[in-house]
Amino acid sequence: SEESIRYRFFGMLKDTPHEIRVRYCNIDYDREIAIVAESTENGKKKLLGVTRLSIDSDGKGGEMAFIVGDKWQGLGLGTKLVDYALEIAKEMGVENIYSIMLPDNYRALSLMKKMGFNLEYLSDGTVKGLLDLREEILEDRCLRPKNEREDFSNIERPDVSEAKGNDEAKKETEAEAKA
């Protein structure tokens, strides 16, 4: 949806510039990783969500961005994609991961908080989530060894009634802020 695209790219993209298309299609696997969730429906593959990691040149830090298709939001797919990306980053020796979000993207803010990111409002009106991957507490919270990772090859769409909307996530975020 337009809202999901705005949350991911901080604005609407009428036509994706050539440079961006090239960057997304030609990944530098030493520094960039894309994790894709897809399903096959009637013999056609359908993109459900994507998480991208861009590792800094020193290999110690990196940025993570993610988007989940509207029908799959609030059902745990974003959590699984982010969790997997954090596992990969940690295995690569990355020490810190950050993500930049719009302040009204309550689902993303809620997910980052749940995953242990420290959130900070920036002067440009965005929110930066920062996670120190060196903290041992991460092992218990969200990261699993390779042999314990989930297989997503047969993921089925859960009951939509379980999904949290952005409004519901907003209410939870506001309630937590008041507490």
N, C-alpha and C. Protein backbone atom coordinates (compact mmCIF):
# COMPACT_ATOMS: atom_id res chain seq x y z
N SER A 1 0.84 -1.18 0.00
CA SER A 1 0.00 0.00 0.00
C SER A 1 0.88 1.24 0.00
N GLU A 2 0.28 2.37 -0.27
CA GLU A 2 1.02 3.63 -0.25
C GLU A 2 1.61 3.88 1.13
N GLU A 3 0.85 3.54 2.17
CA GLU A 3 1.34 3.75 3.54
C GLU A 3 2.57 2.89 3.81
N SER A 4 2.56 1.64 3.42
CA SER A 4 3.71 0.76 3.64
C SER A 4 4.94 1.27 2.89
N ILE A 5 4.75 1.73 1.68
CA ILE A 5 5.86 2.27 0.89
C ILE A 5 6.39 3.54 1.55
N ARG A 6 5.50 4.40 2.03
CA ARG A 6 5.93 5.63 2.71
C ARG A 6 6.74 5.29 3.95
N TYR A 7 6.28 4.30 4.73
CA TYR A 7 7.02 3.91 5.93
C TYR A 7 8.41 3.39 5.57
N ARG A 8 8.54 2.64 4.50
CA ARG A 8 9.83 2.05 4.14
C ARG A 8 10.77 3.07 3.50
N PHE A 9 10.25 3.90 2.59
CA PHE A 9 11.10 4.80 1.82
C PHE A 9 10.93 6.27 2.20
N PHE A 10 10.13 6.56 3.24
CA PHE A 10 9.91 7.91 3.76
C PHE A 10 9.26 8.84 2.75
N GLY A 11 8.53 8.29 1.83
CA GLY A 11 7.81 9.07 0.83
C GLY A 11 7.32 8.13 -0.26
N MET A 12 6.53 8.66 -1.15
CA MET A 12 6.02 7.85 -2.26
C MET A 12 7.03 7.82 -3.39
N LEU A 13 7.14 6.69 -4.02
CA LEU A 13 8.01 6.54 -5.18
C LEU A 13 7.13 6.38 -6.41
N LYS A 14 7.08 7.42 -7.22
CA LYS A 14 6.29 7.33 -8.45
C LYS A 14 7.01 6.46 -9.46
N ASP A 15 8.31 6.66 -9.59
CA ASP A 15 9.14 5.85 -10.47
C ASP A 15 10.48 5.66 -9.76
N THR A 16 10.87 4.44 -9.58
CA THR A 16 12.11 4.16 -8.88
C THR A 16 13.29 4.53 -9.78
N PRO A 17 14.17 5.41 -9.31
CA PRO A 17 15.34 5.79 -10.12
C PRO A 17 16.21 4.58 -10.46
N HIS A 18 16.85 4.66 -11.60
CA HIS A 18 17.69 3.56 -12.09
C HIS A 18 18.74 3.15 -11.07
N GLU A 19 19.38 4.12 -10.41
CA GLU A 19 20.43 3.82 -9.43
C GLU A 19 19.91 2.95 -8.30
N ILE A 20 18.69 3.22 -7.84
CA ILE A 20 18.10 2.44 -6.75
C ILE A 20 17.76 1.04 -7.23
N ARG A 21 17.21 0.93 -8.45
CA ARG A 21 16.90 -0.40 -8.98
C ARG A 21 18.16 -1.24 -9.11
N VAL A 22 19.23 -0.64 -9.59
CA VAL A 22 20.51 -1.36 -9.72
C VAL A 22 21.00 -1.81 -8.36
N ARG A 23 20.92 -0.93 -7.37
CA ARG A 23 21.40 -1.27 -6.02
C ARG A 23 20.62 -2.44 -5.43
N TYR A 24 19.30 -2.45 -5.62
CA TYR A 24 18.48 -3.51 -5.05
C TYR A 24 18.64 -4.83 -5.80
N CYS A 25 19.00 -4.77 -7.06
CA CYS A 25 19.13 -6.01 -7.85
C CYS A 25 20.54 -6.58 -7.83
N ASN A 26 21.54 -5.74 -7.65
CA ASN A 26 22.94 -6.19 -7.65
C ASN A 26 23.52 -5.99 -6.27
N ILE A 27 23.46 -7.02 -5.47
CA ILE A 27 23.87 -6.93 -4.08
C ILE A 27 25.36 -7.23 -3.93
N ASP A 28 26.05 -6.41 -3.16
CA ASP A 28 27.44 -6.66 -2.76
C ASP A 28 27.37 -7.56 -1.53
N TYR A 29 27.52 -8.87 -1.74
CA TYR A 29 27.28 -9.84 -0.67
C TYR A 29 28.25 -9.72 0.50
N ASP A 30 29.36 -9.01 0.33
CA ASP A 30 30.26 -8.79 1.46
C ASP A 30 29.69 -7.75 2.42
N ARG A 31 28.85 -6.85 1.90
CA ARG A 31 28.34 -5.76 2.74
C ARG A 31 26.83 -5.62 2.73
N GLU A 32 26.13 -6.26 1.81
CA GLU A 32 24.68 -6.12 1.73
C GLU A 32 24.02 -7.49 1.66
N ILE A 33 22.93 -7.61 2.37
CA ILE A 33 22.19 -8.87 2.38
C ILE A 33 20.71 -8.54 2.30
N ALA A 34 20.00 -9.27 1.48
CA ALA A 34 18.54 -9.14 1.40
C ALA A 34 17.94 -10.48 1.79
N ILE A 35 17.02 -10.45 2.73
CA ILE A 35 16.31 -11.64 3.16
C ILE A 35 14.87 -11.49 2.68
N VAL A 36 14.42 -12.42 1.89
CA VAL A 36 13.12 -12.32 1.23
C VAL A 36 12.20 -13.42 1.73
N ALA A 37 10.97 -13.05 2.05
CA ALA A 37 9.92 -14.02 2.36
C ALA A 37 8.95 -14.03 1.19
N GLU A 38 8.69 -15.21 0.67
CA GLU A 38 7.78 -15.31 -0.45
C GLU A 38 6.91 -16.56 -0.31
N SER A 39 5.82 -16.57 -1.05
CA SER A 39 4.96 -17.75 -1.08
C SER A 39 4.65 -18.04 -2.54
N THR A 40 4.22 -19.25 -2.79
CA THR A 40 3.81 -19.63 -4.14
C THR A 40 2.31 -19.86 -4.14
N GLU A 41 1.64 -19.15 -5.00
CA GLU A 41 0.19 -19.25 -5.09
C GLU A 41 -0.19 -19.44 -6.55
N ASN A 42 -0.86 -20.53 -6.85
CA ASN A 42 -1.24 -20.85 -8.23
C ASN A 42 -0.04 -20.86 -9.17
N GLY A 43 1.08 -21.38 -8.67
CA GLY A 43 2.29 -21.48 -9.48
C GLY A 43 3.06 -20.19 -9.63
N LYS A 44 2.60 -19.11 -8.99
CA LYS A 44 3.29 -17.82 -9.08
C LYS A 44 3.86 -17.45 -7.72
N LYS A 45 5.10 -16.95 -7.74
CA LYS A 45 5.72 -16.51 -6.50
C LYS A 45 5.21 -15.12 -6.15
N LYS A 46 4.96 -14.94 -4.85
CA LYS A 46 4.45 -13.67 -4.36
C LYS A 46 5.37 -13.20 -3.24
N LEU A 47 5.82 -11.95 -3.33
CA LEU A 47 6.69 -11.36 -2.32
C LEU A 47 5.86 -10.97 -1.11
N LEU A 48 6.26 -11.45 0.07
CA LEU A 48 5.54 -11.15 1.31
C LEU A 48 6.25 -10.09 2.13
N GLY A 49 7.58 -10.11 2.12
CA GLY A 49 8.34 -9.15 2.90
C GLY A 49 9.82 -9.24 2.58
N VAL A 50 10.55 -8.18 2.92
CA VAL A 50 12.00 -8.12 2.67
C VAL A 50 12.66 -7.39 3.83
N THR A 51 13.79 -7.90 4.26
CA THR A 51 14.65 -7.19 5.20
C THR A 51 16.01 -7.06 4.53
N ARG A 52 16.59 -5.87 4.61
CA ARG A 52 17.91 -5.64 4.01
C ARG A 52 18.88 -5.16 5.08
N LEU A 53 20.08 -5.69 5.00
CA LEU A 53 21.18 -5.25 5.85
C LEU A 53 22.23 -4.60 4.96
N SER A 54 22.71 -3.45 5.36
CA SER A 54 23.83 -2.79 4.68
C SER A 54 24.91 -2.57 5.73
N ILE A 55 25.99 -3.32 5.60
CA ILE A 55 27.07 -3.28 6.59
C ILE A 55 28.04 -2.15 6.25
N ASP A 56 28.45 -1.39 7.27
CA ASP A 56 29.42 -0.31 7.09
C ASP A 56 30.75 -0.88 6.60
N SER A 57 31.56 -0.02 5.98
CA SER A 57 32.83 -0.47 5.40
C SER A 57 33.78 -1.06 6.44
N ASP A 58 33.67 -0.62 7.71
CA ASP A 58 34.55 -1.18 8.75
C ASP A 58 34.04 -2.53 9.28
N GLY A 59 32.84 -2.92 8.88
CA GLY A 59 32.28 -4.21 9.29
C GLY A 59 31.73 -4.24 10.70
N LYS A 60 31.80 -3.14 11.42
CA LYS A 60 31.36 -3.13 12.82
C LYS A 60 29.92 -2.67 13.01
N GLY A 61 29.40 -1.90 12.09
CA GLY A 61 28.04 -1.39 12.20
C GLY A 61 27.27 -1.63 10.92
N GLY A 62 25.98 -1.39 10.98
CA GLY A 62 25.18 -1.57 9.78
C GLY A 62 23.77 -1.06 9.96
N GLU A 63 23.11 -0.86 8.83
CA GLU A 63 21.72 -0.40 8.82
C GLU A 63 20.82 -1.55 8.39
N MET A 64 19.65 -1.61 9.00
CA MET A 64 18.65 -2.60 8.63
C MET A 64 17.36 -1.87 8.27
N ALA A 65 16.74 -2.30 7.17
CA ALA A 65 15.44 -1.77 6.75
C ALA A 65 14.56 -2.95 6.37
N PHE A 66 13.27 -2.80 6.57
CA PHE A 66 12.37 -3.91 6.27
C PHE A 66 11.01 -3.40 5.84
N ILE A 67 10.31 -4.25 5.09
CA ILE A 67 8.94 -3.98 4.67
C ILE A 67 8.21 -5.31 4.58
N VAL A 68 6.97 -5.30 5.01
CA VAL A 68 6.12 -6.49 4.96
C VAL A 68 4.83 -6.10 4.25
N GLY A 69 4.39 -6.93 3.33
CA GLY A 69 3.14 -6.67 2.60
C GLY A 69 1.98 -6.48 3.56
N ASP A 70 1.06 -5.63 3.18
CA ASP A 70 -0.06 -5.27 4.05
C ASP A 70 -0.80 -6.47 4.62
N LYS A 71 -1.09 -7.46 3.80
CA LYS A 71 -1.85 -8.62 4.27
C LYS A 71 -1.10 -9.43 5.31
N TRP A 72 0.21 -9.26 5.38
CA TRP A 72 1.03 -10.06 6.29
C TRP A 72 1.48 -9.27 7.52
N GLN A 73 1.13 -8.00 7.61
CA GLN A 73 1.55 -7.18 8.74
C GLN A 73 0.81 -7.58 10.00
N GLY A 74 1.53 -7.52 11.11
CA GLY A 74 0.93 -7.81 12.41
C GLY A 74 0.79 -9.28 12.72
N LEU A 75 1.38 -10.14 11.89
CA LEU A 75 1.24 -11.58 12.07
C LEU A 75 2.55 -12.28 12.45
N GLY A 76 3.63 -11.52 12.63
CA GLY A 76 4.89 -12.11 13.06
C GLY A 76 5.92 -12.29 11.96
N LEU A 77 5.57 -12.04 10.71
CA LEU A 77 6.54 -12.21 9.64
C LEU A 77 7.68 -11.21 9.75
N GLY A 78 7.36 -9.95 10.07
CA GLY A 78 8.41 -8.94 10.25
C GLY A 78 9.36 -9.33 11.36
N THR A 79 8.83 -9.87 12.45
CA THR A 79 9.66 -10.31 13.56
C THR A 79 10.62 -11.40 13.10
N LYS A 80 10.13 -12.34 12.33
CA LYS A 80 10.98 -13.44 11.84
C LYS A 80 12.05 -12.92 10.89
N LEU A 81 11.69 -12.00 10.00
CA LEU A 81 12.67 -11.44 9.07
C LEU A 81 13.75 -10.66 9.81
N VAL A 82 13.35 -9.83 10.76
CA VAL A 82 14.32 -9.05 11.53
C VAL A 82 15.19 -9.97 12.38
N ASP A 83 14.60 -10.95 13.01
CA ASP A 83 15.33 -11.91 13.82
C ASP A 83 16.41 -12.60 13.00
N TYR A 84 16.05 -13.05 11.82
CA TYR A 84 17.00 -13.72 10.94
C TYR A 84 18.12 -12.78 10.52
N ALA A 85 17.77 -11.53 10.19
CA ALA A 85 18.78 -10.54 9.80
C ALA A 85 19.75 -10.27 10.94
N LEU A 86 19.25 -10.20 12.17
CA LEU A 86 20.12 -9.98 13.32
C LEU A 86 21.06 -11.16 13.54
N GLU A 87 20.56 -12.37 13.34
CA GLU A 87 21.41 -13.55 13.46
C GLU A 87 22.56 -13.50 12.46
N ILE A 88 22.25 -13.15 11.23
CA ILE A 88 23.27 -13.07 10.18
C ILE A 88 24.28 -11.98 10.51
N ALA A 89 23.80 -10.81 10.92
CA ALA A 89 24.70 -9.71 11.26
C ALA A 89 25.65 -10.11 12.38
N LYS A 90 25.12 -10.77 13.40
CA LYS A 90 25.96 -11.19 14.52
C LYS A 90 27.01 -12.20 14.05
N GLU A 91 26.61 -13.15 13.21
CA GLU A 91 27.57 -14.13 12.68
C GLU A 91 28.66 -13.46 11.85
N MET A 92 28.34 -12.33 11.23
CA MET A 92 29.32 -11.59 10.43
C MET A 92 30.25 -10.75 11.30
N GLY A 93 30.00 -10.71 12.60
CA GLY A 93 30.83 -9.92 13.49
C GLY A 93 30.40 -8.48 13.63
N VAL A 94 29.21 -8.15 13.14
CA VAL A 94 28.70 -6.78 13.27
C VAL A 94 28.37 -6.53 14.74
N GLU A 95 28.77 -5.36 15.23
CA GLU A 95 28.57 -5.04 16.65
C GLU A 95 27.30 -4.23 16.91
N ASN A 96 26.93 -3.36 15.98
CA ASN A 96 25.76 -2.49 16.17
C ASN A 96 24.93 -2.43 14.89
N ILE A 97 23.62 -2.52 15.06
CA ILE A 97 22.69 -2.38 13.93
C ILE A 97 21.75 -1.23 14.26
N TYR A 98 21.47 -0.41 13.25
CA TYR A 98 20.48 0.64 13.46
C TYR A 98 19.43 0.59 12.35
N SER A 99 18.29 1.16 12.66
CA SER A 99 17.19 1.25 11.71
C SER A 99 16.55 2.62 11.89
N ILE A 100 16.23 3.27 10.78
CA ILE A 100 15.60 4.59 10.81
C ILE A 100 14.14 4.41 10.40
N MET A 101 13.23 4.97 11.20
CA MET A 101 11.79 4.80 10.95
C MET A 101 11.07 6.13 11.08
N LEU A 102 9.90 6.20 10.48
CA LEU A 102 9.03 7.36 10.68
C LEU A 102 8.35 7.22 12.04
N PRO A 103 8.10 8.34 12.73
CA PRO A 103 7.54 8.25 14.08
C PRO A 103 6.11 7.73 14.15
N ASP A 104 5.39 7.71 13.01
CA ASP A 104 4.03 7.16 13.04
C ASP A 104 3.96 5.71 12.55
N ASN A 105 5.12 5.09 12.35
CA ASN A 105 5.16 3.68 11.97
C ASN A 105 5.21 2.85 13.25
N TYR A 106 4.07 2.79 13.92
CA TYR A 106 3.99 2.18 15.25
C TYR A 106 4.32 0.69 15.24
N ARG A 107 3.99 0.00 14.17
CA ARG A 107 4.33 -1.42 14.11
C ARG A 107 5.84 -1.62 14.13
N ALA A 108 6.55 -0.84 13.32
CA ALA A 108 8.01 -0.96 13.27
C ALA A 108 8.62 -0.55 14.61
N LEU A 109 8.12 0.54 15.19
CA LEU A 109 8.64 0.98 16.49
C LEU A 109 8.41 -0.08 17.56
N SER A 110 7.24 -0.68 17.55
CA SER A 110 6.92 -1.73 18.51
C SER A 110 7.82 -2.94 18.33
N LEU A 111 8.06 -3.32 17.08
CA LEU A 111 8.94 -4.45 16.79
C LEU A 111 10.37 -4.17 17.25
N MET A 112 10.86 -2.97 16.95
CA MET A 112 12.23 -2.63 17.35
C MET A 112 12.37 -2.66 18.87
N LYS A 113 11.38 -2.13 19.56
CA LYS A 113 11.41 -2.13 21.02
C LYS A 113 11.40 -3.56 21.55
N LYS A 114 10.54 -4.41 20.96
CA LYS A 114 10.45 -5.81 21.38
C LYS A 114 11.77 -6.54 21.17
N MET A 115 12.50 -6.19 20.11
CA MET A 115 13.76 -6.85 19.79
C MET A 115 14.93 -6.28 20.59
N GLY A 116 14.67 -5.27 21.42
CA GLY A 116 15.72 -4.73 22.28
C GLY A 116 16.41 -3.49 21.76
N PHE A 117 15.93 -2.91 20.68
CA PHE A 117 16.53 -1.69 20.14
C PHE A 117 16.25 -0.53 21.08
N ASN A 118 17.22 0.36 21.25
CA ASN A 118 17.02 1.62 21.96
C ASN A 118 16.54 2.64 20.94
N LEU A 119 15.42 3.30 21.22
CA LEU A 119 14.83 4.24 20.27
C LEU A 119 15.17 5.67 20.65
N GLU A 120 15.49 6.47 19.62
CA GLU A 120 15.86 7.87 19.83
C GLU A 120 15.23 8.71 18.72
N TYR A 121 14.55 9.78 19.12
CA TYR A 121 13.97 10.70 18.14
C TYR A 121 15.07 11.62 17.63
N LEU A 122 15.19 11.73 16.31
CA LEU A 122 16.23 12.54 15.68
C LEU A 122 15.67 13.91 15.28
N SER A 123 16.57 14.86 15.08
CA SER A 123 16.16 16.23 14.76
C SER A 123 15.45 16.34 13.41
N ASP A 124 15.63 15.37 12.52
CA ASP A 124 14.96 15.43 11.22
C ASP A 124 13.54 14.86 11.27
N GLY A 125 13.07 14.49 12.48
CA GLY A 125 11.72 13.99 12.64
C GLY A 125 11.58 12.48 12.53
N THR A 126 12.68 11.78 12.34
CA THR A 126 12.63 10.32 12.27
C THR A 126 13.02 9.72 13.62
N VAL A 127 12.89 8.41 13.71
CA VAL A 127 13.28 7.70 14.93
C VAL A 127 14.37 6.71 14.55
N LYS A 128 15.44 6.70 15.34
CA LYS A 128 16.53 5.76 15.12
C LYS A 128 16.49 4.69 16.20
N GLY A 129 16.48 3.44 15.77
CA GLY A 129 16.58 2.32 16.69
C GLY A 129 17.99 1.77 16.60
N LEU A 130 18.64 1.58 17.75
CA LEU A 130 20.02 1.09 17.78
C LEU A 130 20.09 -0.14 18.68
N LEU A 131 20.75 -1.18 18.18
CA LEU A 131 20.90 -2.42 18.93
C LEU A 131 22.36 -2.82 18.98
N ASP A 132 22.86 -3.06 20.19
CA ASP A 132 24.22 -3.55 20.39
C ASP A 132 24.17 -5.07 20.32
N LEU A 133 24.73 -5.64 19.27
CA LEU A 133 24.70 -7.09 19.08
C LEU A 133 25.69 -7.84 19.97
N ARG A 134 26.54 -7.11 20.68
CA ARG A 134 27.52 -7.76 21.55
C ARG A 134 26.92 -8.16 22.89
N GLU A 135 25.75 -7.62 23.22
CA GLU A 135 25.14 -7.92 24.51
C GLU A 135 24.71 -9.38 24.57
N GLU A 136 25.12 -10.07 25.62
CA GLU A 136 24.80 -11.49 25.77
C GLU A 136 23.31 -11.75 25.91
N ILE A 137 22.57 -10.78 26.42
CA ILE A 137 21.13 -10.97 26.63
C ILE A 137 20.41 -11.28 25.32
N LEU A 138 20.98 -10.87 24.20
CA LEU A 138 20.35 -11.13 22.91
C LEU A 138 20.18 -12.61 22.64
N GLU A 139 21.10 -13.42 23.14
CA GLU A 139 21.00 -14.86 22.88
C GLU A 139 19.68 -15.42 23.37
N ASP A 140 19.23 -14.98 24.54
CA ASP A 140 17.98 -15.48 25.08
C ASP A 140 16.76 -14.81 24.46
N ARG A 141 16.91 -13.58 24.03
CA ARG A 141 15.77 -12.81 23.57
C ARG A 141 15.36 -13.16 22.14
N CYS A 142 16.31 -13.15 21.21
CA CYS A 142 15.86 -13.29 19.83
C CYS A 142 16.78 -14.08 18.92
N LEU A 143 18.02 -14.27 19.28
CA LEU A 143 18.94 -14.93 18.35
C LEU A 143 19.08 -16.41 18.66
N ARG A 144 19.05 -17.21 17.60
CA ARG A 144 19.17 -18.66 17.75
C ARG A 144 20.32 -19.16 16.89
N PRO A 145 20.97 -20.26 17.31
CA PRO A 145 22.01 -20.85 16.46
C PRO A 145 21.43 -21.31 15.13
N LYS A 146 22.29 -21.43 14.11
CA LYS A 146 21.85 -21.82 12.78
C LYS A 146 20.99 -23.07 12.78
N ASN A 147 21.40 -24.08 13.55
CA ASN A 147 20.68 -25.35 13.52
C ASN A 147 19.29 -25.27 14.17
N GLU A 148 18.97 -24.17 14.84
CA GLU A 148 17.66 -24.03 15.48
C GLU A 148 16.76 -23.04 14.75
N ARG A 149 17.21 -22.52 13.61
CA ARG A 149 16.40 -21.55 12.87
C ARG A 149 15.19 -22.22 12.26
N GLU A 150 14.14 -21.44 12.15
CA GLU A 150 12.90 -21.95 11.58
C GLU A 150 13.00 -22.07 10.06
N ASP A 151 12.28 -23.03 9.52
CA ASP A 151 12.17 -23.20 8.08
C ASP A 151 10.89 -22.50 7.64
N PHE A 152 11.02 -21.52 6.76
CA PHE A 152 9.86 -20.76 6.32
C PHE A 152 9.33 -21.22 4.97
N SER A 153 9.79 -22.37 4.49
CA SER A 153 9.41 -22.80 3.14
C SER A 153 7.92 -23.09 3.00
N ASN A 154 7.26 -23.47 4.07
CA ASN A 154 5.83 -23.79 3.99
C ASN A 154 4.98 -22.85 4.82
N ILE A 155 5.38 -21.60 4.94
CA ILE A 155 4.64 -20.66 5.77
C ILE A 155 3.24 -20.45 5.18
N GLU A 156 2.25 -20.51 6.02
CA GLU A 156 0.87 -20.30 5.60
C GLU A 156 0.34 -19.06 6.28
N ARG A 157 -0.53 -18.37 5.59
CA ARG A 157 -1.08 -17.14 6.15
C ARG A 157 -1.97 -17.45 7.34
N PRO A 158 -1.64 -16.92 8.52
CA PRO A 158 -2.48 -17.12 9.69
C PRO A 158 -3.81 -16.38 9.56
N ASP A 159 -4.68 -16.66 10.48
CA ASP A 159 -5.99 -16.00 10.54
C ASP A 159 -5.78 -14.50 10.69
N VAL A 160 -6.36 -13.71 9.80
CA VAL A 160 -6.20 -12.26 9.81
C VAL A 160 -6.73 -11.65 11.10
N SER A 161 -7.63 -12.32 11.77
CA SER A 161 -8.18 -11.77 13.01
C SER A 161 -7.11 -11.63 14.09
N GLU A 162 -5.97 -12.34 13.91
CA GLU A 162 -4.87 -12.24 14.87
C GLU A 162 -4.00 -11.01 14.63
N ALA A 163 -4.11 -10.40 13.48
CA ALA A 163 -3.22 -9.32 13.09
C ALA A 163 -3.50 -8.04 13.88
N LYS A 164 -2.41 -7.37 14.22
CA LYS A 164 -2.53 -6.06 14.86
C LYS A 164 -2.42 -5.00 13.78
N GLY A 165 -3.32 -4.06 13.80
CA GLY A 165 -3.24 -2.94 12.87
C GLY A 165 -2.32 -1.87 13.43
N ASN A 166 -1.96 -0.90 12.60
CA ASN A 166 -1.10 0.17 13.05
C ASN A 166 -1.76 0.96 14.17
N ASP A 167 -3.10 1.12 14.12
CA ASP A 167 -3.81 1.84 15.18
C ASP A 167 -3.69 1.11 16.51
N GLU A 168 -3.82 -0.22 16.49
CA GLU A 168 -3.69 -1.00 17.72
C GLU A 168 -2.26 -0.92 18.25
N ALA A 169 -1.28 -1.01 17.35
CA ALA A 169 0.12 -0.90 17.77
C ALA A 169 0.38 0.49 18.34
N LYS A 170 -0.26 1.53 17.77
CA LYS A 170 -0.11 2.89 18.27
C LYS A 170 -0.63 2.98 19.71
N LYS A 171 -1.80 2.41 19.97
CA LYS A 171 -2.37 2.44 21.32
C LYS A 171 -1.46 1.75 22.32
N GLU A 172 -0.90 0.60 21.93
CA GLU A 172 0.01 -0.12 22.82
C GLU A 172 1.26 0.71 23.10
N THR A 173 1.81 1.34 22.05
CA THR A 173 3.01 2.16 22.20
C THR A 173 2.73 3.35 23.12
N GLU A 174 1.59 4.01 22.92
CA GLU A 174 1.24 5.15 23.76
C GLU A 174 0.99 4.73 25.20
N ALA A 175 0.36 3.57 25.41
CA ALA A 175 0.11 3.07 26.77
C ALA A 175 1.43 2.75 27.47
N GLU A 176 2.38 2.17 26.74
CA GLU A 176 3.69 1.87 27.33
C GLU A 176 4.43 3.14 27.69
N ALA A 177 4.29 4.19 26.86
CA ALA A 177 4.97 5.45 27.13
C ALA A 177 4.44 6.11 28.39
N LYS A 178 3.14 5.94 28.66
CA LYS A 178 2.52 6.53 29.85
C LYS A 178 2.90 5.78 31.12
N ALA A 179 3.22 4.49 30.97
CA ALA A 179 3.52 3.65 32.15
C ALA A 179 4.87 3.96 32.74
